[in-house]
Amino acid sequence: MEILRKDLYSEYESFCLNHPKGAFQQSVNWAKVKKDWLHEVVVSRDENGSIRGGVSVLIRKIGPFGMMYAPRGPVCDYTDKAVMQDLIEGIKAVSKKHNGYKFICDPLVLATDSETIQFFKDCGFSIKENAGFHDTIQPRYNYMLNYIKGMSEDELIMKFTSGTRYYIRFGPKNGVVCKVGLEYLDDFYRIYEETGRRKNFSIRSKAYLESILVNFPENAKLFMCYFEDKENGSFTPLCGGLSIQYAGTTSHVYGCSTSEMRKLNPTYMMQWEMMKWALGGNCHTYDMQGIALDEETDAELYGVYRFKAKFYGDVIETAGEFTLTFNSFADKLIAFALKVRSKLRG
């Protein structure tokens, strides 16, 4: 194993970008977005010195301890136990360096993949079986179009229902236009704040969203749909989406919409524009991100799921979070302290 020097990060980045298990959250650029966290990269090399596995680890300091998290990591063949054990040794070394009390990762392992789940357990990880919607850092249920590689726009749009195709075309026919670029962030953020208030969800800062676009200059795009009034030359912002294209997957990470001119159904057009970007990037998957499968779990996200389901994808249930605990006393102490703080704030 090797805790990678920062001057070698470009080597790991190339590996992650081209690996089947690569994900934007494992990019060193994502660590730049998460600037409130410390960061280390661990790699395992083959006999020729080439990287055969890696993991980007974020470290959140909590007092004297460090909570270590590898979103969508490690990046490797999960059936290669030698590589996994090598990476685990590196993770342990990072733990010693930063006084880490536990390491959490949430690789894209399906809940039905009992063989890989058991493999992680054999490597010393624990897993909370059937974790609830709010019990994991990232949603366990995502909605994905994981069949799009090699498809043309005409082939993909014909997968959708006639009603979905109608609404995709309805917006452009009635004055809706889509613009792409960082320069539309102000309009995006105004609607994003409004959406957060209307739907009662927490939002990221404008600086955070800008950081994604700046740190992923080739991989992230901001899409904004407007109603164009040709009589007076005005553009009314209607909805927006921030997507990241990385390692064969285009992920719709943040979205927003206004209640104004809702009859134009601009979100259909916006999703289609992002899907076309995914096709143009030769992606194999368009990830519409987290969903709730029942109204009681999260009524708002269940409504989002009902919208996403109109695009002929699949519900992907992941196994959840795998955890290596290095200091059980610190783990229990911090969990108790966070629980008390949550009650006091509530």
Protein backbone atom coordinates (compact mmCIF):
# COMPACT_ATOMS: atom_id res chain seq x y z
CA MET A 1 0.00 0.00 0.00
CA GLU A 2 0.97 3.62 -0.43
CA ILE A 3 -0.35 6.87 0.99
CA LEU A 4 -0.01 8.87 -2.17
CA ARG A 5 1.98 12.09 -2.32
CA LYS A 6 -0.01 15.06 -3.57
CA ASP A 7 2.30 15.51 -6.54
CA LEU A 8 1.15 12.05 -7.73
CA TYR A 9 -2.58 12.76 -7.45
CA SER A 10 -2.91 13.15 -11.22
CA GLU A 11 -1.94 9.47 -11.58
CA TYR A 12 -4.71 8.41 -9.23
CA GLU A 13 -7.17 10.78 -10.90
CA SER A 14 -6.54 9.18 -14.29
CA PHE A 15 -6.99 5.73 -12.74
CA CYS A 16 -10.27 6.69 -11.04
CA LEU A 17 -11.68 8.41 -14.12
CA ASN A 18 -11.14 5.32 -16.26
CA HIS A 19 -12.00 2.55 -13.79
CA PRO A 20 -15.39 0.75 -13.92
CA LYS A 21 -15.86 1.51 -10.20
CA GLY A 22 -14.78 5.14 -10.56
CA ALA A 23 -17.09 7.86 -9.22
CA PHE A 24 -16.90 11.63 -9.03
CA GLN A 25 -17.02 11.42 -5.22
CA GLN A 26 -13.72 9.49 -5.37
CA SER A 27 -12.05 12.13 -7.52
CA VAL A 28 -9.39 14.28 -5.89
CA ASN A 29 -11.41 17.21 -7.26
CA TRP A 30 -14.30 16.25 -4.98
CA ALA A 31 -11.92 16.53 -2.03
CA LYS A 32 -11.25 20.12 -3.14
CA VAL A 33 -14.99 20.78 -2.93
CA LYS A 34 -15.03 19.29 0.59
CA LYS A 35 -12.50 21.84 1.82
CA ASP A 36 -13.66 21.58 5.45
CA TRP A 37 -12.35 18.00 5.49
CA LEU A 38 -8.78 16.73 5.49
CA HIS A 39 -7.88 14.35 2.68
CA GLU A 40 -5.64 11.41 1.86
CA VAL A 41 -5.38 9.02 -1.09
CA VAL A 42 -4.35 5.39 -0.62
CA VAL A 43 -3.33 3.23 -3.59
CA SER A 44 -2.31 -0.36 -4.21
CA ARG A 45 0.12 -1.04 -7.06
CA ASP A 46 0.79 -4.12 -9.18
CA GLU A 47 4.19 -5.64 -9.86
CA ASN A 48 4.77 -3.08 -12.64
CA GLY A 49 4.09 -0.14 -10.37
CA SER A 50 0.72 0.69 -11.92
CA ILE A 51 -2.22 1.54 -9.68
CA ARG A 52 -4.60 -1.43 -9.39
CA GLY A 53 -6.81 -0.03 -6.64
CA GLY A 54 -7.29 3.22 -4.77
CA VAL A 55 -9.43 5.06 -2.27
CA SER A 56 -9.86 8.76 -1.64
CA VAL A 57 -10.47 9.30 2.07
CA LEU A 58 -12.06 12.40 3.57
CA ILE A 59 -11.29 13.03 7.25
CA ARG A 60 -13.61 15.07 9.48
CA LYS A 61 -11.98 16.13 12.72
CA ILE A 62 -14.24 15.76 15.78
CA GLY A 63 -12.23 16.97 18.73
CA PRO A 64 -8.99 14.96 18.79
CA PHE A 65 -10.48 12.19 16.62
CA GLY A 66 -11.05 11.76 12.92
CA MET A 67 -14.10 10.30 11.20
CA MET A 68 -12.91 8.85 7.89
CA TYR A 69 -15.25 8.60 4.92
CA ALA A 70 -14.75 7.34 1.36
CA PRO A 71 -17.91 8.18 -0.61
CA ARG A 72 -18.47 5.56 -3.34
CA GLY A 73 -15.04 4.05 -2.59
CA PRO A 74 -12.85 2.09 -2.78
CA VAL A 75 -12.10 2.10 -6.51
CA CYS A 76 -11.01 -1.45 -7.31
CA ASP A 77 -12.18 -4.93 -8.18
CA TYR A 78 -14.04 -5.92 -5.00
CA THR A 79 -13.40 -9.60 -5.63
CA ASP A 80 -9.62 -9.09 -5.50
CA LYS A 81 -8.93 -9.73 -1.84
CA ALA A 82 -5.20 -8.96 -2.13
CA VAL A 83 -5.95 -5.45 -3.39
CA MET A 84 -8.65 -4.87 -0.78
CA GLN A 85 -6.39 -6.00 2.05
CA ASP A 86 -3.61 -3.77 0.76
CA LEU A 87 -5.98 -0.79 0.70
CA ILE A 88 -7.23 -1.63 4.19
CA GLU A 89 -3.66 -1.53 5.45
CA GLY A 90 -3.38 1.92 3.91
CA ILE A 91 -6.65 3.01 5.52
CA LYS A 92 -5.30 1.83 8.89
CA ALA A 93 -2.15 3.88 8.30
CA VAL A 94 -4.29 6.96 7.55
CA SER A 95 -6.21 6.23 10.75
CA LYS A 96 -2.99 6.28 12.78
CA LYS A 97 -1.89 9.50 11.08
CA HIS A 98 -5.15 11.34 11.82
CA ASN A 99 -6.29 9.49 14.98
CA GLY A 100 -9.22 8.09 13.03
CA TYR A 101 -11.77 6.24 15.13
CA LYS A 102 -13.70 4.73 12.22
CA PHE A 103 -13.77 4.46 8.46
CA ILE A 104 -17.02 4.45 6.46
CA CYS A 105 -17.46 3.71 2.77
CA ASP A 106 -20.55 3.25 0.59
CA PRO A 107 -19.47 1.61 -2.68
CA LEU A 108 -22.04 1.02 -5.38
CA VAL A 109 -22.71 -2.55 -4.25
CA LEU A 110 -26.25 -3.78 -4.84
CA ALA A 111 -28.26 -4.96 -1.85
CA THR A 112 -28.81 -8.25 -3.68
CA ASP A 113 -25.07 -8.84 -4.19
CA SER A 114 -24.64 -11.17 -1.22
CA GLU A 115 -21.25 -12.41 -2.42
CA THR A 116 -19.64 -8.95 -2.44
CA ILE A 117 -21.34 -7.99 0.82
CA GLN A 118 -19.90 -11.10 2.45
CA PHE A 119 -16.51 -10.27 0.94
CA PHE A 120 -16.52 -6.89 2.69
CA LYS A 121 -17.51 -8.58 5.94
CA ASP A 122 -14.64 -11.05 5.51
CA CYS A 123 -12.32 -8.06 5.17
CA GLY A 124 -13.43 -6.84 8.60
CA PHE A 125 -16.24 -4.45 7.70
CA SER A 126 -19.55 -4.31 9.51
CA ILE A 127 -22.78 -3.29 7.79
CA LYS A 128 -26.10 -2.14 9.15
CA GLU A 129 -28.51 -4.42 7.33
CA ASN A 130 -31.52 -2.78 5.67
CA ALA A 131 -30.62 0.68 6.97
CA GLY A 132 -33.44 3.21 6.92
CA PHE A 133 -33.62 6.12 4.51
CA HIS A 134 -32.16 8.65 6.94
CA ASP A 135 -29.65 6.26 8.52
CA THR A 136 -26.95 6.58 5.84
CA ILE A 137 -24.92 9.50 4.55
CA GLN A 138 -26.08 8.92 0.97
CA PRO A 139 -29.50 7.53 -0.04
CA ARG A 140 -29.53 3.77 -0.48
CA TYR A 141 -32.10 4.05 -3.27
CA ASN A 142 -31.21 5.81 -6.52
CA TYR A 143 -33.04 6.03 -9.82
CA MET A 144 -30.81 5.26 -12.80
CA LEU A 145 -30.96 4.81 -16.53
CA ASN A 146 -28.14 2.27 -16.65
CA TYR A 147 -28.61 1.05 -20.22
CA ILE A 148 -27.83 4.13 -22.31
CA LYS A 149 -24.32 3.35 -23.61
CA GLY A 150 -24.20 3.43 -27.40
CA MET A 151 -27.78 4.67 -27.76
CA SER A 152 -28.81 7.50 -30.05
CA GLU A 153 -31.08 10.31 -28.88
CA ASP A 154 -33.91 8.87 -30.97
CA GLU A 155 -33.45 5.41 -29.45
CA LEU A 156 -33.45 6.74 -25.90
CA ILE A 157 -36.45 9.04 -26.21
CA MET A 158 -38.48 6.17 -27.65
CA LYS A 159 -37.95 4.31 -24.36
CA PHE A 160 -40.15 6.86 -22.64
CA THR A 161 -43.94 6.90 -22.59
CA SER A 162 -45.73 9.00 -25.17
CA GLY A 163 -46.74 11.38 -22.38
CA THR A 164 -43.12 11.92 -21.33
CA ARG A 165 -42.06 12.52 -24.93
CA TYR A 166 -44.90 15.02 -25.28
CA TYR A 167 -43.77 17.06 -22.28
CA ILE A 168 -40.10 16.96 -23.36
CA ARG A 169 -41.15 18.61 -26.63
CA PHE A 170 -43.84 20.83 -25.10
CA GLY A 171 -41.44 23.27 -23.45
CA PRO A 172 -39.31 24.10 -26.52
CA LYS A 173 -42.45 24.52 -28.62
CA ASN A 174 -43.78 27.06 -26.13
CA GLY A 175 -40.78 29.29 -25.54
CA VAL A 176 -38.62 27.30 -23.12
CA VAL A 177 -34.89 27.41 -23.85
CA CYS A 178 -32.00 25.73 -22.05
CA LYS A 179 -28.73 27.53 -21.34
CA VAL A 180 -25.54 25.94 -19.98
CA GLY A 181 -22.75 27.60 -18.03
CA LEU A 182 -21.41 28.93 -14.74
CA GLU A 183 -22.70 32.40 -15.64
CA TYR A 184 -26.24 31.23 -14.83
CA LEU A 185 -25.41 30.34 -11.22
CA ASP A 186 -27.09 33.45 -9.78
CA ASP A 187 -30.41 32.53 -11.41
CA PHE A 188 -29.97 28.90 -10.34
CA TYR A 189 -29.29 29.82 -6.74
CA ARG A 190 -32.31 32.12 -6.42
CA ILE A 191 -34.59 29.26 -7.52
CA TYR A 192 -32.61 26.75 -5.45
CA GLU A 193 -33.21 28.83 -2.29
CA GLU A 194 -36.88 29.17 -3.17
CA THR A 195 -37.19 25.41 -3.75
CA GLY A 196 -35.55 24.70 -0.39
CA ARG A 197 -38.03 26.95 1.42
CA ARG A 198 -41.02 25.59 -0.47
CA LYS A 199 -40.11 21.93 -0.02
CA ASN A 200 -38.46 22.27 3.38
CA PHE A 201 -35.02 20.82 2.63
CA SER A 202 -31.60 22.11 3.58
CA ILE A 203 -29.51 23.69 0.84
CA ARG A 204 -25.84 24.15 0.07
CA SER A 205 -24.20 27.55 -0.10
CA LYS A 206 -23.74 29.28 -3.42
CA ALA A 207 -19.97 29.08 -2.89
CA TYR A 208 -20.22 25.30 -2.49
CA LEU A 209 -22.07 24.88 -5.79
CA GLU A 210 -19.65 27.21 -7.53
CA SER A 211 -16.77 25.16 -6.13
CA ILE A 212 -18.15 22.04 -7.84
CA LEU A 213 -18.27 23.80 -11.19
CA VAL A 214 -14.82 25.34 -10.76
CA ASN A 215 -13.11 22.16 -9.53
CA PHE A 216 -14.71 19.98 -12.21
CA PRO A 217 -14.26 22.32 -15.20
CA GLU A 218 -14.49 19.48 -17.74
CA ASN A 219 -16.91 17.26 -15.84
CA ALA A 220 -19.58 19.49 -14.28
CA LYS A 221 -22.23 21.56 -16.04
CA LEU A 222 -24.98 23.87 -14.87
CA PHE A 223 -28.19 23.69 -16.93
CA MET A 224 -30.83 26.44 -16.71
CA CYS A 225 -34.19 26.54 -18.45
CA TYR A 226 -35.85 29.88 -19.17
CA PHE A 227 -39.05 31.11 -20.73
CA GLU A 228 -38.06 33.39 -23.58
CA ASP A 229 -40.47 36.24 -24.22
CA LYS A 230 -39.55 37.19 -27.75
CA GLU A 231 -41.73 40.30 -27.70
CA ASN A 232 -39.65 42.09 -25.05
CA GLY A 233 -36.50 39.96 -25.17
CA SER A 234 -36.75 38.85 -21.55
CA PHE A 235 -35.82 35.49 -20.05
CA THR A 236 -37.65 34.16 -17.00
CA PRO A 237 -35.72 31.44 -15.08
CA LEU A 238 -37.84 28.32 -14.52
CA CYS A 239 -35.66 25.42 -13.39
CA GLY A 240 -32.07 24.27 -13.21
CA GLY A 241 -29.83 21.28 -12.71
CA LEU A 242 -26.20 20.72 -11.79
CA SER A 243 -24.75 17.51 -13.22
CA ILE A 244 -21.37 15.81 -13.07
CA GLN A 245 -20.13 13.46 -15.79
CA TYR A 246 -17.43 11.11 -14.57
CA ALA A 247 -16.21 7.56 -15.26
CA GLY A 248 -19.08 6.72 -17.58
CA THR A 249 -21.88 8.10 -15.42
CA THR A 250 -23.68 11.42 -15.61
CA SER A 251 -25.19 12.27 -12.21
CA HIS A 252 -27.86 14.90 -11.64
CA VAL A 253 -26.55 16.14 -8.30
CA TYR A 254 -28.60 19.27 -7.55
CA GLY A 255 -31.83 20.55 -9.02
CA CYS A 256 -34.41 23.27 -8.50
CA SER A 257 -37.62 24.58 -10.02
CA THR A 258 -39.91 27.53 -9.56
CA SER A 259 -43.66 27.36 -9.23
CA GLU A 260 -43.92 30.04 -11.92
CA MET A 261 -45.15 28.91 -15.34
CA ARG A 262 -45.41 25.31 -14.13
CA LYS A 263 -47.75 24.47 -17.00
CA LEU A 264 -44.75 24.65 -19.33
CA ASN A 265 -43.28 21.54 -17.61
CA PRO A 266 -39.70 22.75 -18.12
CA THR A 267 -38.17 20.03 -15.90
CA TYR A 268 -38.86 17.46 -18.62
CA MET A 269 -36.81 19.44 -21.11
CA MET A 270 -34.05 20.00 -18.56
CA GLN A 271 -33.75 16.27 -17.81
CA TRP A 272 -33.65 15.53 -21.51
CA GLU A 273 -30.87 18.06 -22.10
CA MET A 274 -28.78 16.43 -19.37
CA MET A 275 -29.51 12.98 -20.78
CA LYS A 276 -28.33 14.14 -24.20
CA TRP A 277 -25.12 15.33 -22.58
CA ALA A 278 -24.72 11.85 -21.08
CA LEU A 279 -25.20 10.26 -24.50
CA GLY A 280 -22.70 12.66 -26.05
CA GLY A 281 -20.18 11.68 -23.38
CA ASN A 282 -20.60 7.97 -24.24
CA CYS A 283 -21.85 7.28 -20.71
CA HIS A 284 -23.33 3.95 -19.70
CA THR A 285 -25.51 5.44 -16.93
CA TYR A 286 -27.61 8.51 -16.25
CA ASP A 287 -28.07 8.71 -12.48
CA MET A 288 -31.06 10.73 -11.32
CA GLN A 289 -29.87 10.23 -7.72
CA GLY A 290 -31.76 9.63 -4.48
CA ILE A 291 -35.40 8.67 -4.09
CA ALA A 292 -37.83 7.52 -1.41
CA LEU A 293 -40.03 4.58 -2.36
CA ASP A 294 -42.92 5.32 -0.03
CA GLU A 295 -44.69 8.49 1.01
CA GLU A 296 -44.26 7.89 4.74
CA THR A 297 -40.45 7.82 4.49
CA ASP A 298 -40.21 11.20 2.79
CA ALA A 299 -43.28 12.61 1.03
CA GLU A 300 -41.29 15.15 -0.98
CA LEU A 301 -38.72 12.66 -2.28
CA TYR A 302 -41.48 10.18 -3.01
CA GLY A 303 -43.03 12.80 -5.28
CA VAL A 304 -39.62 13.23 -6.93
CA TYR A 305 -39.50 9.46 -7.48
CA ARG A 306 -42.88 9.51 -9.20
CA PHE A 307 -41.50 12.13 -11.60
CA LYS A 308 -38.24 10.28 -12.22
CA ALA A 309 -40.08 7.01 -12.87
CA LYS A 310 -41.50 8.56 -16.04
CA PHE A 311 -38.04 8.24 -17.66
CA TYR A 312 -37.89 4.45 -17.86
CA GLY A 313 -35.05 3.75 -15.46
CA ASP A 314 -34.47 1.33 -12.62
CA VAL A 315 -34.58 1.64 -8.85
CA ILE A 316 -31.08 0.78 -7.64
CA GLU A 317 -30.90 -0.34 -4.02
CA THR A 318 -27.39 -0.33 -2.63
CA ALA A 319 -26.18 -2.35 0.34
CA GLY A 320 -25.43 0.84 2.26
CA GLU A 321 -22.48 1.74 4.44
CA PHE A 322 -19.59 -0.54 5.35
CA THR A 323 -17.67 0.42 8.49
CA LEU A 324 -14.26 -0.37 9.93
CA THR A 325 -14.11 0.70 13.60
CA PHE A 326 -10.68 1.41 15.07
CA ASN A 327 -11.70 2.91 18.43
CA SER A 328 -15.05 1.64 19.69
CA PHE A 329 -14.92 3.79 22.84
CA ALA A 330 -14.48 6.99 20.81
CA ASP A 331 -17.19 5.83 18.41
CA LYS A 332 -19.73 5.37 21.23
CA LEU A 333 -18.70 8.59 22.96
CA ILE A 334 -19.02 10.69 19.81
CA ALA A 335 -22.33 9.04 18.84
CA PHE A 336 -23.72 9.86 22.29
CA ALA A 337 -22.48 13.46 22.13
CA LEU A 338 -24.00 13.98 18.68
CA LYS A 339 -27.30 12.51 19.84
CA VAL A 340 -27.42 14.86 22.84
CA ARG A 341 -26.57 17.85 20.63
CA SER A 342 -29.33 16.88 18.20
CA LYS A 343 -31.90 16.73 21.02
CA LEU A 344 -30.80 20.10 22.39
CA ARG A 345 -31.12 21.68 18.96
CA GLY A 346 -34.49 20.03 18.38
